[in-house]
Protein backbone atom coordinates (compact mmCIF):
# COMPACT_ATOMS: atom_id res chain seq x y z
CA MET A 1 3.32 -24.63 -16.64
CA CYS A 2 1.44 -21.66 -14.92
CA VAL A 3 -1.43 -20.05 -16.62
CA LEU A 4 -2.87 -16.81 -15.78
CA GLY A 5 -5.68 -15.74 -17.91
CA ARG A 6 -4.21 -15.81 -21.42
CA HIS A 7 -0.85 -15.35 -20.11
CA VAL A 8 1.21 -18.56 -20.18
CA VAL A 9 4.39 -18.72 -18.38
CA PRO A 10 6.49 -21.94 -19.18
CA GLY A 11 8.29 -23.48 -16.20
CA GLY A 12 7.38 -20.30 -14.06
CA LEU A 13 7.96 -16.55 -15.09
CA ALA A 14 11.23 -15.72 -16.83
CA ALA A 15 12.97 -12.29 -17.55
CA ARG A 16 12.03 -11.03 -20.78
CA SER A 17 14.59 -10.06 -23.37
CA ASP A 18 12.98 -7.20 -25.38
CA LEU A 19 14.44 -4.60 -23.06
CA GLY A 20 14.69 -2.29 -26.23
CA THR A 21 10.87 -1.59 -26.28
CA ARG A 22 10.66 -0.33 -22.81
CA ASP A 23 10.96 3.19 -23.92
CA ALA A 24 8.93 3.02 -27.04
CA VAL A 25 6.36 5.72 -27.77
CA ARG A 26 2.99 5.23 -26.20
CA TRP A 27 0.71 6.95 -28.60
CA THR A 28 0.26 9.04 -31.71
CA PRO A 29 -2.18 11.70 -31.26
CA GLU A 30 -4.82 9.73 -33.20
CA ALA A 31 -4.39 6.65 -30.92
CA LEU A 32 -4.44 8.69 -27.99
CA ALA A 33 -7.91 10.50 -28.97
CA ARG A 34 -9.27 6.89 -29.62
CA ASP A 35 -8.06 5.57 -26.32
CA VAL A 36 -9.61 8.36 -24.22
CA GLY A 37 -12.91 8.58 -26.46
CA GLY A 38 -12.19 12.11 -27.40
CA THR A 39 -11.80 14.31 -30.46
CA LEU A 40 -8.71 15.24 -31.94
CA ILE A 41 -8.80 19.21 -32.27
CA ARG A 42 -5.10 19.93 -33.20
CA THR A 43 -2.37 17.58 -33.95
CA ALA A 44 1.50 18.37 -33.28
CA ASP A 45 4.12 16.42 -34.84
CA ARG A 46 5.43 15.15 -31.46
CA PRO A 47 5.14 11.75 -30.10
CA ILE A 48 3.48 11.37 -26.61
CA ALA A 49 4.66 9.05 -23.88
CA GLY A 50 3.45 9.41 -20.23
CA VAL A 51 0.59 11.17 -18.38
CA PHE A 52 0.94 13.81 -15.68
CA ILE A 53 -1.83 15.80 -13.79
CA ASP A 54 0.54 18.36 -11.78
CA SER A 55 1.70 21.09 -13.95
CA ARG A 56 4.24 21.77 -11.08
CA ALA A 57 5.95 18.45 -11.84
CA PRO A 58 5.71 18.24 -15.95
CA LEU A 59 6.50 15.38 -18.03
CA ALA A 60 8.43 16.45 -21.07
CA GLY A 61 6.50 14.69 -24.00
CA GLY A 62 3.76 13.65 -21.98
CA LEU A 63 -0.13 14.09 -21.80
CA PHE A 64 -1.36 16.79 -19.39
CA VAL A 65 -4.82 15.90 -17.88
CA PRO A 66 -6.36 19.14 -16.31
CA ILE A 67 -8.47 17.70 -13.39
CA VAL A 68 -11.29 19.72 -12.42
CA ALA A 69 -11.63 19.91 -8.76
CA ASP A 70 -11.03 22.52 -5.74
CA ARG A 71 -8.62 24.07 -8.49
CA ASP A 72 -9.54 23.67 -12.15
CA GLY A 73 -6.44 22.18 -14.19
CA HIS A 74 -7.37 24.10 -17.29
CA ASP A 75 -5.93 27.12 -15.59
CA PHE A 76 -2.54 25.36 -15.86
CA ILE A 77 -2.32 23.93 -19.13
CA GLY A 78 0.00 26.82 -20.32
CA SER A 79 2.46 25.75 -17.32
CA ALA A 80 2.17 22.29 -18.68
CA VAL A 81 3.03 23.33 -22.18
CA ASP A 82 5.94 25.38 -20.80
CA GLY A 83 6.94 22.34 -18.91
CA GLY A 84 7.19 20.22 -22.13
CA ALA A 85 3.77 18.54 -22.34
CA ALA A 86 3.27 16.96 -26.02
CA ALA A 87 -0.40 16.85 -25.54
CA THR A 88 -3.54 18.11 -23.37
CA LEU A 89 -6.87 16.97 -22.84
CA VAL A 90 -9.49 19.64 -22.56
CA GLN A 91 -13.25 19.52 -21.47
CA ARG A 92 -15.93 20.25 -24.15
CA GLY A 93 -16.73 23.89 -24.51
CA ARG A 94 -13.31 25.04 -23.03
CA ALA A 95 -11.01 27.20 -25.22
CA THR A 96 -8.46 25.21 -27.20
CA PRO A 97 -5.01 26.30 -25.77
CA SER A 98 -2.31 27.59 -27.92
CA GLY A 99 1.20 26.04 -28.12
CA ALA A 100 2.82 23.18 -30.23
CA ILE A 101 0.69 20.55 -28.47
CA SER A 102 -2.02 17.99 -29.75
CA VAL A 103 -5.24 19.03 -28.09
CA ILE A 104 -7.93 16.34 -27.49
CA GLU A 105 -11.62 17.66 -26.52
CA VAL A 106 -13.40 15.34 -23.97
CA ASP A 107 -16.54 15.34 -22.20
CA ASP A 108 -14.75 14.91 -18.75
CA THR A 109 -11.01 14.79 -18.01
CA GLN A 110 -10.95 12.60 -14.82
CA ALA A 111 -13.20 10.30 -16.91
CA ALA A 112 -11.11 10.20 -19.80
CA LEU A 113 -8.02 9.27 -17.60
CA THR A 114 -9.79 6.41 -16.18
CA ARG A 115 -10.80 5.24 -19.75
CA LEU A 116 -7.25 5.55 -20.75
CA ALA A 117 -5.81 3.59 -17.86
CA THR A 118 -8.66 0.81 -18.11
CA ARG A 119 -7.82 0.41 -21.84
CA ARG A 120 -4.03 0.11 -21.06
CA CYS A 121 -4.78 -2.56 -18.53
CA ALA A 122 -7.23 -4.64 -20.79
CA GLY A 123 -4.42 -4.89 -23.28
CA PHE A 124 -1.74 -5.89 -20.91
CA HIS A 125 -1.41 -9.74 -20.73
CA ALA A 126 1.53 -10.08 -18.09
CA PRO A 127 0.78 -10.47 -14.61
CA VAL A 128 -1.17 -7.56 -12.60
CA VAL A 129 -1.04 -7.91 -8.92
CA THR A 130 -3.56 -5.87 -7.07
CA ILE A 131 -3.43 -5.07 -3.17
CA SER A 132 -6.37 -4.01 -0.86
CA GLY A 133 -6.52 -4.30 3.06
CA SER A 134 -7.04 -2.23 6.00
CA ASN A 135 -3.45 -2.59 7.17
CA GLY A 136 -0.07 -3.47 5.33
CA LYS A 137 -1.06 -2.67 1.82
CA THR A 138 2.23 -0.46 1.21
CA THR A 139 4.40 -2.82 2.86
CA THR A 140 3.01 -5.82 0.93
CA ARG A 141 3.39 -4.00 -2.23
CA ALA A 142 7.08 -3.55 -1.64
CA MET A 143 7.34 -7.14 -0.84
CA VAL A 144 5.36 -8.52 -3.90
CA ALA A 145 7.63 -6.21 -6.13
CA GLY A 146 10.70 -7.62 -4.59
CA VAL A 147 9.58 -11.02 -5.12
CA LEU A 148 8.52 -10.33 -8.90
CA GLU A 149 12.01 -8.45 -9.29
CA SER A 150 13.75 -11.65 -8.24
CA ALA A 151 12.73 -13.25 -11.71
CA LEU A 152 11.73 -10.50 -13.83
CA ALA A 153 13.67 -7.68 -15.59
CA SER A 154 10.92 -4.90 -15.12
CA VAL A 155 8.25 -4.50 -12.50
CA LEU A 156 6.03 -1.48 -12.36
CA CYS A 157 4.84 -0.71 -8.99
CA THR A 158 2.84 1.92 -7.17
CA GLN A 159 4.84 4.78 -5.77
CA GLY A 160 4.14 6.84 -2.64
CA ASN A 161 0.42 7.01 -1.96
CA LEU A 162 -0.70 7.14 -5.42
CA ASN A 163 -3.59 4.37 -4.66
CA ASN A 164 -6.81 6.35 -5.31
CA HIS A 165 -8.85 7.35 -8.37
CA LEU A 166 -5.97 9.39 -9.69
CA GLY A 167 -3.33 7.51 -8.45
CA VAL A 168 -4.05 4.06 -9.79
CA PRO A 169 -4.56 5.51 -13.40
CA LEU A 170 -1.24 7.36 -13.13
CA THR A 171 0.49 4.30 -11.89
CA VAL A 172 -0.67 1.85 -14.53
CA LEU A 173 0.08 4.58 -17.26
CA GLY A 174 3.62 5.37 -15.78
CA GLU A 175 6.98 3.99 -16.26
CA PRO A 176 8.16 1.50 -17.39
CA HIS A 177 6.09 1.57 -20.35
CA GLU A 178 6.55 -2.44 -21.11
CA PRO A 179 6.91 -4.03 -17.89
CA ASP A 180 6.88 -7.65 -17.05
CA ALA A 181 4.36 -7.27 -14.17
CA MET A 182 2.52 -4.68 -12.49
CA VAL A 183 1.82 -4.26 -8.62
CA VAL A 184 -1.01 -1.95 -8.06
CA GLU A 185 -2.01 -0.82 -4.26
CA LEU A 186 -5.74 -0.05 -4.22
CA GLY A 187 -6.96 2.48 -1.22
CA MET A 188 -10.39 3.11 -0.26
CA SER A 189 -12.57 5.08 2.41
CA ALA A 190 -15.83 4.33 0.97
CA PRO A 191 -17.91 1.30 -0.38
CA GLY A 192 -17.43 0.90 -4.14
CA GLU A 193 -13.99 2.52 -4.58
CA ASN A 194 -12.04 -0.69 -4.34
CA ASP A 195 -14.23 -2.16 -6.98
CA ALA A 196 -13.76 0.98 -9.29
CA LEU A 197 -10.18 0.96 -8.96
CA ALA A 198 -9.98 -2.88 -9.58
CA ALA A 199 -12.32 -2.41 -12.66
CA ILE A 200 -9.28 -0.25 -14.11
CA ALA A 201 -6.41 -2.61 -13.32
CA ARG A 202 -8.25 -6.04 -14.13
CA PRO A 203 -5.65 -8.20 -11.98
CA GLN A 204 -4.74 -11.80 -12.47
CA ILE A 205 -3.96 -11.82 -8.81
CA HIS A 206 -5.56 -9.92 -5.97
CA VAL A 207 -4.19 -9.87 -2.38
CA ILE A 208 -6.30 -8.85 0.53
CA THR A 209 -3.82 -8.31 3.60
CA SER A 210 -6.07 -7.86 6.48
CA VAL A 211 -9.63 -6.35 7.71
CA ALA A 212 -9.60 -4.16 10.78
CA LEU A 213 -11.74 -1.06 11.89
CA GLU A 214 -10.75 1.92 9.48
CA HIS A 215 -12.51 5.03 7.96
CA LEU A 216 -15.52 4.40 10.23
CA GLU A 217 -16.92 7.87 9.40
CA PHE A 218 -17.83 6.48 6.08
CA MET A 219 -17.56 2.62 6.25
CA LYS A 220 -19.78 2.37 9.55
CA SER A 221 -19.19 -1.25 10.47
CA ILE A 222 -16.38 -4.13 10.25
CA GLU A 223 -18.66 -5.88 7.97
CA ALA A 224 -18.87 -3.19 5.45
CA ILE A 225 -15.17 -2.82 5.70
CA ALA A 226 -14.55 -6.58 4.82
CA ALA A 227 -17.08 -6.36 1.86
CA ALA A 228 -15.19 -3.43 0.54
CA GLU A 229 -11.57 -5.32 0.91
CA ALA A 230 -13.17 -7.99 -1.03
CA GLU A 231 -14.68 -5.96 -3.82
CA PRO A 232 -11.81 -6.52 -6.24
CA ILE A 233 -12.40 -10.30 -6.17
CA ALA A 234 -15.14 -9.82 -8.74
CA ARG A 235 -12.49 -8.24 -11.15
CA VAL A 236 -10.13 -10.76 -11.08
CA ARG A 237 -9.57 -12.21 -14.38
CA PRO A 238 -10.52 -15.85 -15.30
CA GLY A 239 -7.83 -18.12 -14.44
CA GLY A 240 -6.36 -15.94 -11.81
CA CYS A 241 -6.41 -16.07 -8.04
CA VAL A 242 -7.13 -14.36 -4.60
CA VAL A 243 -4.40 -14.37 -1.63
CA ALA A 244 -6.16 -13.84 1.40
CA PRO A 245 -5.40 -14.46 5.24
CA SER A 246 -7.08 -17.70 6.63
CA ASP A 247 -8.07 -16.21 9.72
CA GLU A 248 -10.33 -13.35 8.51
CA PRO A 249 -13.82 -14.89 9.17
CA LEU A 250 -15.65 -11.68 7.55
CA LEU A 251 -13.84 -12.57 4.30
CA ALA A 252 -15.11 -16.38 4.44
CA PRO A 253 -18.12 -15.56 2.33
CA HIS A 254 -16.63 -13.30 -0.15
CA LEU A 255 -14.02 -16.02 -0.73
CA ALA A 256 -16.64 -18.85 -0.93
CA SER A 257 -18.29 -17.01 -3.82
CA ALA A 258 -15.26 -16.35 -5.64
CA SER A 259 -15.15 -17.67 -9.11
CA VAL A 260 -11.41 -18.06 -9.19
CA ASP A 261 -8.90 -19.80 -7.17
CA VAL A 262 -8.03 -18.92 -3.40
CA LEU A 263 -4.64 -19.21 -1.86
CA THR A 264 -4.43 -18.73 1.98
CA PHE A 265 -1.89 -17.44 4.29
CA GLY A 266 -1.63 -17.48 7.95
CA ASN A 267 -0.93 -19.97 11.06
CA SER A 268 -3.21 -22.76 9.85
CA GLU A 269 -2.00 -26.23 8.75
CA ARG A 270 -4.61 -25.97 5.93
CA CYS A 271 -2.91 -22.43 4.73
CA ASP A 272 -1.19 -22.59 1.20
CA VAL A 273 1.53 -20.43 2.87
CA GLN A 274 1.87 -21.28 6.64
CA LEU A 275 3.71 -19.26 9.34
CA LEU A 276 5.20 -21.83 11.70
CA GLU A 277 7.19 -19.59 13.87
CA VAL A 278 7.87 -15.87 13.99
CA VAL A 279 10.54 -13.94 16.04
CA VAL A 280 10.25 -10.26 16.44
CA GLY A 281 12.72 -7.49 16.99
CA ALA A 282 14.57 -4.78 14.68
CA LYS A 283 14.25 -7.48 12.05
CA THR A 284 11.31 -10.06 11.78
CA SER A 285 12.33 -13.66 11.21
CA ALA A 286 9.94 -16.12 10.20
CA THR A 287 9.85 -19.89 9.40
CA ILE A 288 7.49 -20.51 6.45
CA ARG A 289 6.12 -23.23 4.41
CA VAL A 290 5.30 -22.57 0.95
CA GLY A 291 3.22 -25.05 -0.86
CA PRO A 292 4.74 -28.42 -0.95
CA HIS A 293 8.14 -27.05 -0.37
CA ALA A 294 10.10 -27.66 2.94
CA PRO A 295 9.86 -24.84 5.44
CA VAL A 296 12.34 -21.94 4.79
CA CYS A 297 13.62 -19.17 7.09
CA VAL A 298 12.64 -15.73 5.98
CA GLU A 299 14.07 -12.47 7.41
CA VAL A 300 12.75 -9.15 6.56
CA PRO A 301 14.32 -5.86 7.96
CA LEU A 302 11.07 -4.73 9.40
CA PHE A 303 9.41 -4.62 12.82
CA GLY A 304 6.68 -6.86 13.58
CA ALA A 305 5.18 -10.06 13.32
CA HIS A 306 2.39 -8.54 11.08
CA ASN A 307 5.24 -8.06 8.46
CA ALA A 308 5.96 -11.65 8.48
CA ARG A 309 2.31 -12.07 7.30
CA ASN A 310 2.73 -9.57 4.66
CA ALA A 311 5.99 -11.78 3.57
CA ALA A 312 3.82 -14.86 3.76
CA ALA A 313 1.27 -12.97 1.24
CA ALA A 314 4.13 -12.04 -1.14
CA LEU A 315 5.40 -15.54 -1.13
CA ALA A 316 1.91 -16.70 -1.99
CA VAL A 317 1.96 -14.62 -4.99
CA GLY A 318 5.30 -15.64 -5.97
CA HIS A 319 4.46 -19.28 -5.53
CA ARG A 320 1.31 -18.78 -7.85
CA LEU A 321 3.57 -17.50 -10.26
CA GLY A 322 6.11 -20.39 -10.30
CA LEU A 323 9.02 -18.39 -9.07
CA PRO A 324 12.19 -19.88 -7.31
CA LEU A 325 11.57 -20.01 -3.60
CA GLU A 326 15.19 -19.30 -2.72
CA ALA A 327 15.49 -16.14 -4.94
CA MET A 328 12.04 -14.81 -3.19
CA VAL A 329 13.40 -15.50 0.00
CA GLU A 330 16.68 -13.52 -0.82
CA ALA A 331 14.56 -10.73 -2.28
CA LEU A 332 12.51 -10.32 0.93
CA ALA A 333 15.72 -9.82 2.84
CA SER A 334 16.51 -6.69 0.90
CA VAL A 335 12.84 -5.09 1.17
CA ARG A 336 13.28 -1.76 3.07
CA PRO A 337 10.42 0.12 4.97
CA VAL A 338 8.25 2.28 2.66
CA GLY A 339 8.47 5.78 4.98
CA ASP A 340 7.74 5.21 8.52
CA ARG A 341 6.20 1.86 8.54
CA GLY A 342 8.26 -0.38 11.00
CA ARG A 343 11.35 1.46 10.43
CA ALA A 344 13.83 0.32 13.36
CA VAL A 345 16.24 3.15 14.55
CA GLU A 346 18.86 2.94 17.24
CA TRP A 347 19.12 5.99 19.71
CA ASN A 348 21.43 5.81 22.72
CA GLY A 349 21.45 2.11 23.16
CA HIS A 350 17.69 1.96 22.58
CA LEU A 351 15.54 0.44 19.98
CA LEU A 352 12.98 2.86 18.65
CA ILE A 353 10.48 1.62 16.08
CA ALA A 354 8.95 4.38 13.95
CA ASP A 355 5.24 3.26 12.82
CA CYS A 356 3.72 6.53 12.04
CA TYR A 357 2.17 6.44 8.78
CA ASN A 358 -1.05 4.77 9.46
CA SER A 359 -2.96 3.70 12.74
CA ASN A 360 -6.29 2.15 13.72
CA PRO A 361 -7.36 -0.53 16.17
CA GLY A 362 -6.08 -3.49 14.24
CA SER A 363 -2.85 -1.97 13.50
CA VAL A 364 -2.35 -0.86 16.93
CA GLU A 365 -3.10 -4.28 18.35
CA ALA A 366 -0.58 -5.99 15.99
CA ALA A 367 2.25 -3.26 16.65
CA LEU A 368 1.42 -3.61 20.64
CA SER A 369 1.70 -7.34 20.51
CA SER A 370 4.97 -7.35 18.62
CA LEU A 371 6.43 -4.61 21.02
CA ALA A 372 5.39 -7.05 24.05
CA LYS A 373 7.35 -9.92 22.39
CA THR A 374 10.44 -7.81 21.48
CA PRO A 375 13.68 -9.21 23.45
CA THR A 376 14.84 -6.18 25.71
CA LYS A 377 16.80 -5.84 29.07
CA GLY A 378 15.08 -2.29 29.65
CA ARG A 379 11.33 -1.20 29.40
CA ARG A 380 8.99 -1.33 26.61
CA VAL A 381 7.38 1.98 26.25
CA ALA A 382 4.29 2.38 23.84
CA VAL A 383 4.11 6.18 22.30
CA LEU A 384 0.56 6.36 21.06
CA ALA A 385 -0.92 9.20 19.01
CA ASP A 386 -4.46 9.51 17.91
CA MET A 387 -6.00 7.24 15.33
CA LEU A 388 -8.08 9.35 13.25
CA GLU A 389 -11.30 8.86 11.11
CA LEU A 390 -12.81 6.40 13.48
CA GLY A 391 -16.05 8.12 13.67
CA PRO A 392 -18.46 8.16 16.89
CA THR A 393 -16.65 5.13 18.70
CA GLU A 394 -13.41 6.92 18.64
CA ASP A 395 -13.41 7.42 22.31
CA GLU A 396 -14.10 3.93 23.19
CA LEU A 397 -11.59 2.81 20.59
CA HIS A 398 -8.67 4.62 22.06
CA THR A 399 -9.77 3.54 25.66
CA GLN A 400 -9.48 -0.05 24.16
CA SER A 401 -5.95 0.64 23.16
CA GLY A 402 -4.82 1.66 26.42
CA SER A 403 -6.41 -1.31 27.98
CA LEU A 404 -4.71 -3.44 25.50
CA ALA A 405 -1.17 -2.20 26.19
CA ALA A 406 -1.57 -2.77 29.78
CA SER A 407 -2.76 -6.58 29.22
CA LEU A 408 0.16 -7.11 27.22
CA GLY A 409 2.51 -6.06 29.73
CA VAL A 410 3.95 -2.64 28.29
CA ASP A 411 5.87 -0.74 30.88
CA VAL A 412 4.94 2.83 29.90
CA VAL A 413 2.28 4.49 27.84
CA LEU A 414 2.82 7.99 26.45
CA GLY A 415 -0.01 9.79 24.71
CA PHE A 416 -0.12 12.30 22.14
CA GLY A 417 -3.26 14.20 20.93
CA PRO A 418 -6.81 14.76 22.23
CA LEU A 419 -8.06 11.33 21.62
CA SER A 420 -5.00 9.77 23.25
CA ARG A 421 -5.97 11.06 26.36
CA HIS A 422 -8.52 7.98 26.58
CA THR A 423 -5.47 5.78 25.89
CA VAL A 424 -3.43 7.12 28.71
CA GLU A 425 -6.31 7.33 31.31
CA ALA A 426 -7.28 3.39 30.66
CA ALA A 427 -3.59 2.07 30.76
CA ALA A 428 -3.17 4.28 34.19
CA ALA A 429 -6.48 2.85 35.58
CA ALA A 430 -4.75 -0.67 34.84
CA GLY A 431 -1.65 0.20 36.83
CA VAL A 432 0.61 1.19 33.83
CA ASP A 433 3.08 4.01 34.15
CA ALA A 434 1.03 6.59 31.60
CA GLU A 435 1.44 10.22 30.70
CA HIS A 436 -0.09 12.42 28.13
CA PHE A 437 1.69 15.19 26.40
CA GLU A 438 0.77 18.30 24.61
CA THR A 439 3.83 19.01 22.44
CA ILE A 440 6.17 16.92 20.32
CA ASP A 441 8.90 18.41 22.12
CA ALA A 442 7.55 17.66 25.67
CA LEU A 443 6.89 14.12 24.24
CA ALA A 444 10.45 13.31 23.15
CA ALA A 445 11.64 14.51 26.52
CA GLY A 446 9.12 12.22 28.29
CA LEU A 447 10.17 9.26 26.01
CA ALA A 448 13.86 9.83 26.78
CA VAL A 449 13.01 9.59 30.61
CA ALA A 450 10.81 6.55 30.05
CA LEU A 451 13.43 4.75 28.33
CA GLY A 452 16.16 5.25 31.05
CA GLU A 453 19.77 4.57 30.32
CA HIS A 454 19.92 1.87 27.77
CA ASP A 455 18.48 -1.17 26.28
CA GLY A 456 14.84 -0.08 26.12
CA VAL A 457 12.61 -0.43 23.18
CA ALA A 458 9.86 2.10 22.14
CA LEU A 459 7.00 1.86 19.48
CA LEU A 460 5.94 5.14 18.08
CA LYS A 461 2.33 4.54 16.55
CA GLY A 462 -0.13 7.20 15.09
CA SER A 463 -2.02 8.22 12.34
CA ARG A 464 -0.25 9.98 9.56
CA GLY A 465 -2.12 13.35 10.47
CA MET A 466 -0.33 13.30 13.88
CA LYS A 467 3.17 13.31 12.51
CA LEU A 468 4.67 11.32 15.20
CA GLU A 469 8.08 11.04 13.37
CA ARG A 470 8.82 14.52 14.65
CA VAL A 471 9.84 12.89 17.82
CA LEU A 472 12.77 11.35 16.39
CA ASP A 473 13.79 14.73 14.64
CA VAL A 474 13.77 15.99 18.05
CA LEU A 475 15.88 13.28 19.95
CA GLY A 476 18.48 13.42 17.01
């Protein structure tokens, strides 16, 4: 029997049979006013299900929450009503909008959205899995969702980049209304943000994927980053657990003080989920030991040894919940890249790896290490665009990436973006064929030349703002 908080799962999790309730009405106007802590100004005879904040993407029958930011969402209540909204919040002192909708007055619309989401999670007793970390959050969330779906009928999971102070509430208030589990990604760029998000979700299981230099403009140090990624530990419900890498020493004090169980993944024999062997290529294969079970071969259709680690984290979640191992392994084989995060593309006999959504020194090191281990008869080419939000040490960190590429035996380094000049210069100083490009078209042409006739492999790695995936569009 697996016990998570007050949620008891005899013999592991099983698919629920009450599928008919999944699309049930979420709130009456009176219940909604209570849950947001507001005053019901007008009641319309319409059920309310779901929440949205963008009037350009209305949810028929939903609650519109007008966020006051650079633009005032109150200006778009009319559009939300035209789109089919059944209710709206308004901040105290604003005019009551017209239309056949329920209107609830609150002190602060954003705070009311947070309150609504927090109340929702407080009453949710099936497993909630939250995920934080410098690298691998989105891929790990897809893997965890896949593992859970191997045994459950319905899993609510973060979509896109909805992992911030607005995205997390929208996620947990989204569909399906009555899932068997939630998987919620937490994103942060400053201290305290992960704690605030975890306070909404109140997880039974929290996963920390990694600790690496990121958002240094705000975080200042790697120690501060580790502390921020560990913030959700204090929000894990009694009887829950933390899943964390075994080889992140900066997490050790945070894990040691945890009041819940800790499951580890990594290469150490002491890990609860141990990586025994990893083979990289267009797909990643790994031999993994999960708890007391005999080692299994796991294949994920994603590039990089780091994705074997993400798979190990997902297996740790499933192991904690008592899910059948064979089904989890099958589920991982079906996980697809989320956007350009380790996506393999064949081009003119070459293997191109699009890893263009996130980039920091840790993720670049992981990707370059996997590139160096990828079997190929041709050249290994690293296309490295700028890593953003690294603060005052950004020049030095880009230089280190170039030196690292050279030390790993990468054949060619191509740079794109002003900061990547330091990367190219360091690689060239170490004897690597390296060149910097000013435009995407020139970079694509340079990559074609660098790869040669056939059998080469290229890594395209850069921060989202660099839009490095455009190289693939040019190559066609």
